[in-house]
Amino acid sequence: MLSVIDSGIGLKEEEQKKLFKLFGTIERTRSLNTKGIGLGLSISRNISEQFGGQVAVKSKPHVGSAFLASMVLKPSAEDQKRAVEDEELARQVE
């Protein structure tokens, strides 16, 4: 699990739902971020979900926000084979 916490302006619950939509904007932050929000978070959520994880936000207005990300990483078949070979080699050395 990875978390990023800020002490920024915080978000209302209805604003939090807009964060993960492509090219969404939040009305009261428009002057702070004129290019919009949502693309990066949407991509991050998509990548996390492809790996069996998720991205979520917890926020309170005038307090700040916490973004939480997780994904399930599995070793490749090649990595698993190498681990077995390493274990066998370690047994031979003992």
C-alpha atoms as a PDB file:
ATOM      1  CA  MET A   1       0.000   0.000   0.000  1.00  0.00           C
ATOM      2  CA  LEU A   2       1.241   3.443  -0.936  1.00  0.00           C
ATOM      3  CA  SER A   3      -0.242   6.596   0.534  1.00  0.00           C
ATOM      4  CA  VAL A   4       0.221  10.256  -0.271  1.00  0.00           C
ATOM      5  CA  ILE A   5      -1.108  12.771   2.225  1.00  0.00           C
ATOM      6  CA  ASP A   6      -1.437  16.511   1.823  1.00  0.00           C
ATOM      7  CA  SER A   7      -2.710  19.302   4.002  1.00  0.00           C
ATOM      8  CA  GLY A   8      -4.273  21.200   1.099  1.00  0.00           C
ATOM      9  CA  ILE A   9      -7.784  22.507   0.660  1.00  0.00           C
ATOM     10  CA  GLY A  10      -9.480  19.119   1.049  1.00  0.00           C
ATOM     11  CA  LEU A  11     -12.517  17.936  -0.869  1.00  0.00           C
ATOM     12  CA  LYS A  12     -16.202  17.437  -0.205  1.00  0.00           C
ATOM     13  CA  GLU A  13     -17.565  13.914  -0.704  1.00  0.00           C
ATOM     14  CA  GLU A  14     -19.305  14.812  -3.985  1.00  0.00           C
ATOM     15  CA  GLU A  15     -16.048  16.339  -5.284  1.00  0.00           C
ATOM     16  CA  GLN A  16     -14.102  13.181  -4.418  1.00  0.00           C
ATOM     17  CA  LYS A  17     -16.303  11.164  -6.782  1.00  0.00           C
ATOM     18  CA  LYS A  18     -15.242  13.411  -9.695  1.00  0.00           C
ATOM     19  CA  LEU A  19     -11.510  12.923  -9.135  1.00  0.00           C
ATOM     20  CA  PHE A  20     -11.201   9.671 -11.059  1.00  0.00           C
ATOM     21  CA  LYS A  21     -13.141  10.750 -14.162  1.00  0.00           C
ATOM     22  CA  LEU A  22     -11.170  11.697 -17.259  1.00  0.00           C
ATOM     23  CA  PHE A  23     -10.776  15.450 -17.641  1.00  0.00           C
ATOM     24  CA  GLY A  24     -13.027  16.306 -14.729  1.00  0.00           C
ATOM     25  CA  THR A  25     -12.731  19.583 -12.873  1.00  0.00           C
ATOM     26  CA  ILE A  26     -13.763  20.639  -9.422  1.00  0.00           C
ATOM     27  CA  GLU A  27     -15.452  24.019  -9.391  1.00  0.00           C
ATOM     28  CA  ARG A  28     -13.689  25.664  -6.483  1.00  0.00           C
ATOM     29  CA  THR A  29     -10.206  24.546  -7.555  1.00  0.00           C
ATOM     30  CA  ARG A  30     -10.551  25.783 -11.121  1.00  0.00           C
ATOM     31  CA  SER A  31      -8.458  28.893 -10.379  1.00  0.00           C
ATOM     32  CA  LEU A  32      -5.773  26.732  -8.752  1.00  0.00           C
ATOM     33  CA  ASN A  33      -5.555  24.150 -11.525  1.00  0.00           C
ATOM     34  CA  THR A  34      -6.714  25.519 -14.871  1.00  0.00           C
ATOM     35  CA  LYS A  35      -5.780  22.353 -16.782  1.00  0.00           C
ATOM     36  CA  GLY A  36      -8.316  20.216 -14.930  1.00  0.00           C
ATOM     37  CA  ILE A  37      -7.890  17.100 -12.849  1.00  0.00           C
ATOM     38  CA  GLY A  38      -8.641  13.441 -13.211  1.00  0.00           C
ATOM     39  CA  LEU A  39      -6.428  12.219 -16.033  1.00  0.00           C
ATOM     40  CA  GLY A  40      -3.496  11.185 -13.830  1.00  0.00           C
ATOM     41  CA  LEU A  41      -5.713   9.721 -11.136  1.00  0.00           C
ATOM     42  CA  SER A  42      -7.819   7.896 -13.703  1.00  0.00           C
ATOM     43  CA  ILE A  43      -4.710   6.359 -15.268  1.00  0.00           C
ATOM     44  CA  SER A  44      -3.317   5.442 -11.839  1.00  0.00           C
ATOM     45  CA  ARG A  45      -6.573   3.768 -10.843  1.00  0.00           C
ATOM     46  CA  ASN A  46      -6.702   1.858 -14.140  1.00  0.00           C
ATOM     47  CA  ILE A  47      -3.132   0.566 -13.733  1.00  0.00           C
ATOM     48  CA  SER A  48      -3.763  -0.443 -10.117  1.00  0.00           C
ATOM     49  CA  GLU A  49      -6.950  -2.280 -11.068  1.00  0.00           C
ATOM     50  CA  GLN A  50      -5.112  -4.131 -13.860  1.00  0.00           C
ATOM     51  CA  PHE A  51      -2.818  -5.473 -11.119  1.00  0.00           C
ATOM     52  CA  GLY A  52      -5.706  -6.424  -8.823  1.00  0.00           C
ATOM     53  CA  GLY A  53      -5.445  -3.303  -6.665  1.00  0.00           C
ATOM     54  CA  GLN A  54      -7.218  -0.027  -6.214  1.00  0.00           C
ATOM     55  CA  VAL A  55      -6.754   3.716  -5.727  1.00  0.00           C
ATOM     56  CA  ALA A  56      -8.914   5.592  -3.271  1.00  0.00           C
ATOM     57  CA  VAL A  57      -9.122   9.023  -1.671  1.00  0.00           C
ATOM     58  CA  LYS A  58     -10.099  10.147   1.798  1.00  0.00           C
ATOM     59  CA  SER A  59     -10.503  13.875   2.267  1.00  0.00           C
ATOM     60  CA  LYS A  60     -12.021  16.551   4.486  1.00  0.00           C
ATOM     61  CA  PRO A  61     -12.616  20.128   3.366  1.00  0.00           C
ATOM     62  CA  HIS A  62     -10.088  22.590   4.853  1.00  0.00           C
ATOM     63  CA  VAL A  63      -8.097  19.690   6.365  1.00  0.00           C
ATOM     64  CA  GLY A  64      -6.473  17.799   3.498  1.00  0.00           C
ATOM     65  CA  SER A  65      -6.522  14.572   1.525  1.00  0.00           C
ATOM     66  CA  ALA A  66      -5.008  11.109   1.596  1.00  0.00           C
ATOM     67  CA  PHE A  67      -4.627   9.100  -1.586  1.00  0.00           C
ATOM     68  CA  LEU A  68      -4.195   5.357  -1.106  1.00  0.00           C
ATOM     69  CA  ALA A  69      -2.960   2.990  -3.817  1.00  0.00           C
ATOM     70  CA  SER A  70      -2.415  -0.751  -3.840  1.00  0.00           C
ATOM     71  CA  MET A  71      -1.695  -3.458  -6.376  1.00  0.00           C
ATOM     72  CA  VAL A  72      -0.927  -7.151  -6.285  1.00  0.00           C
ATOM     73  CA  LEU A  73       2.485  -7.910  -7.729  1.00  0.00           C
ATOM     74  CA  LYS A  74       3.339 -11.479  -8.645  1.00  0.00           C
ATOM     75  CA  PRO A  75       6.746 -12.767  -9.690  1.00  0.00           C
ATOM     76  CA  SER A  76       7.085 -13.728 -13.331  1.00  0.00           C
ATOM     77  CA  ALA A  77       7.516 -17.370 -14.361  1.00  0.00           C
ATOM     78  CA  GLU A  78      11.193 -16.606 -15.040  1.00  0.00           C
ATOM     79  CA  ASP A  79      11.636 -15.138 -11.534  1.00  0.00           C
ATOM     80  CA  GLN A  80       9.957 -18.188  -9.986  1.00  0.00           C
ATOM     81  CA  LYS A  81      12.205 -20.549 -11.966  1.00  0.00           C
ATOM     82  CA  ARG A  82      15.297 -18.589 -10.892  1.00  0.00           C
ATOM     83  CA  ALA A  83      14.202 -18.771  -7.243  1.00  0.00           C
ATOM     84  CA  VAL A  84      13.847 -22.573  -7.458  1.00  0.00           C
ATOM     85  CA  GLU A  85      17.265 -22.853  -9.105  1.00  0.00           C
ATOM     86  CA  ASP A  86      18.796 -20.642  -6.415  1.00  0.00           C
ATOM     87  CA  GLU A  87      17.265 -22.779  -3.664  1.00  0.00           C
ATOM     88  CA  GLU A  88      18.629 -25.939  -5.284  1.00  0.00           C
ATOM     89  CA  LEU A  89      22.087 -24.379  -5.588  1.00  0.00           C
ATOM     90  CA  ALA A  90      21.972 -23.284  -1.948  1.00  0.00           C
ATOM     91  CA  ARG A  91      21.130 -26.867  -0.872  1.00  0.00           C
ATOM     92  CA  GLN A  92      24.097 -28.215  -2.854  1.00  0.00           C
ATOM     93  CA  VAL A  93      26.465 -25.766  -1.145  1.00  0.00           C
ATOM     94  CA  GLU A  94      25.321 -26.716   2.369  1.00  0.00           C
END
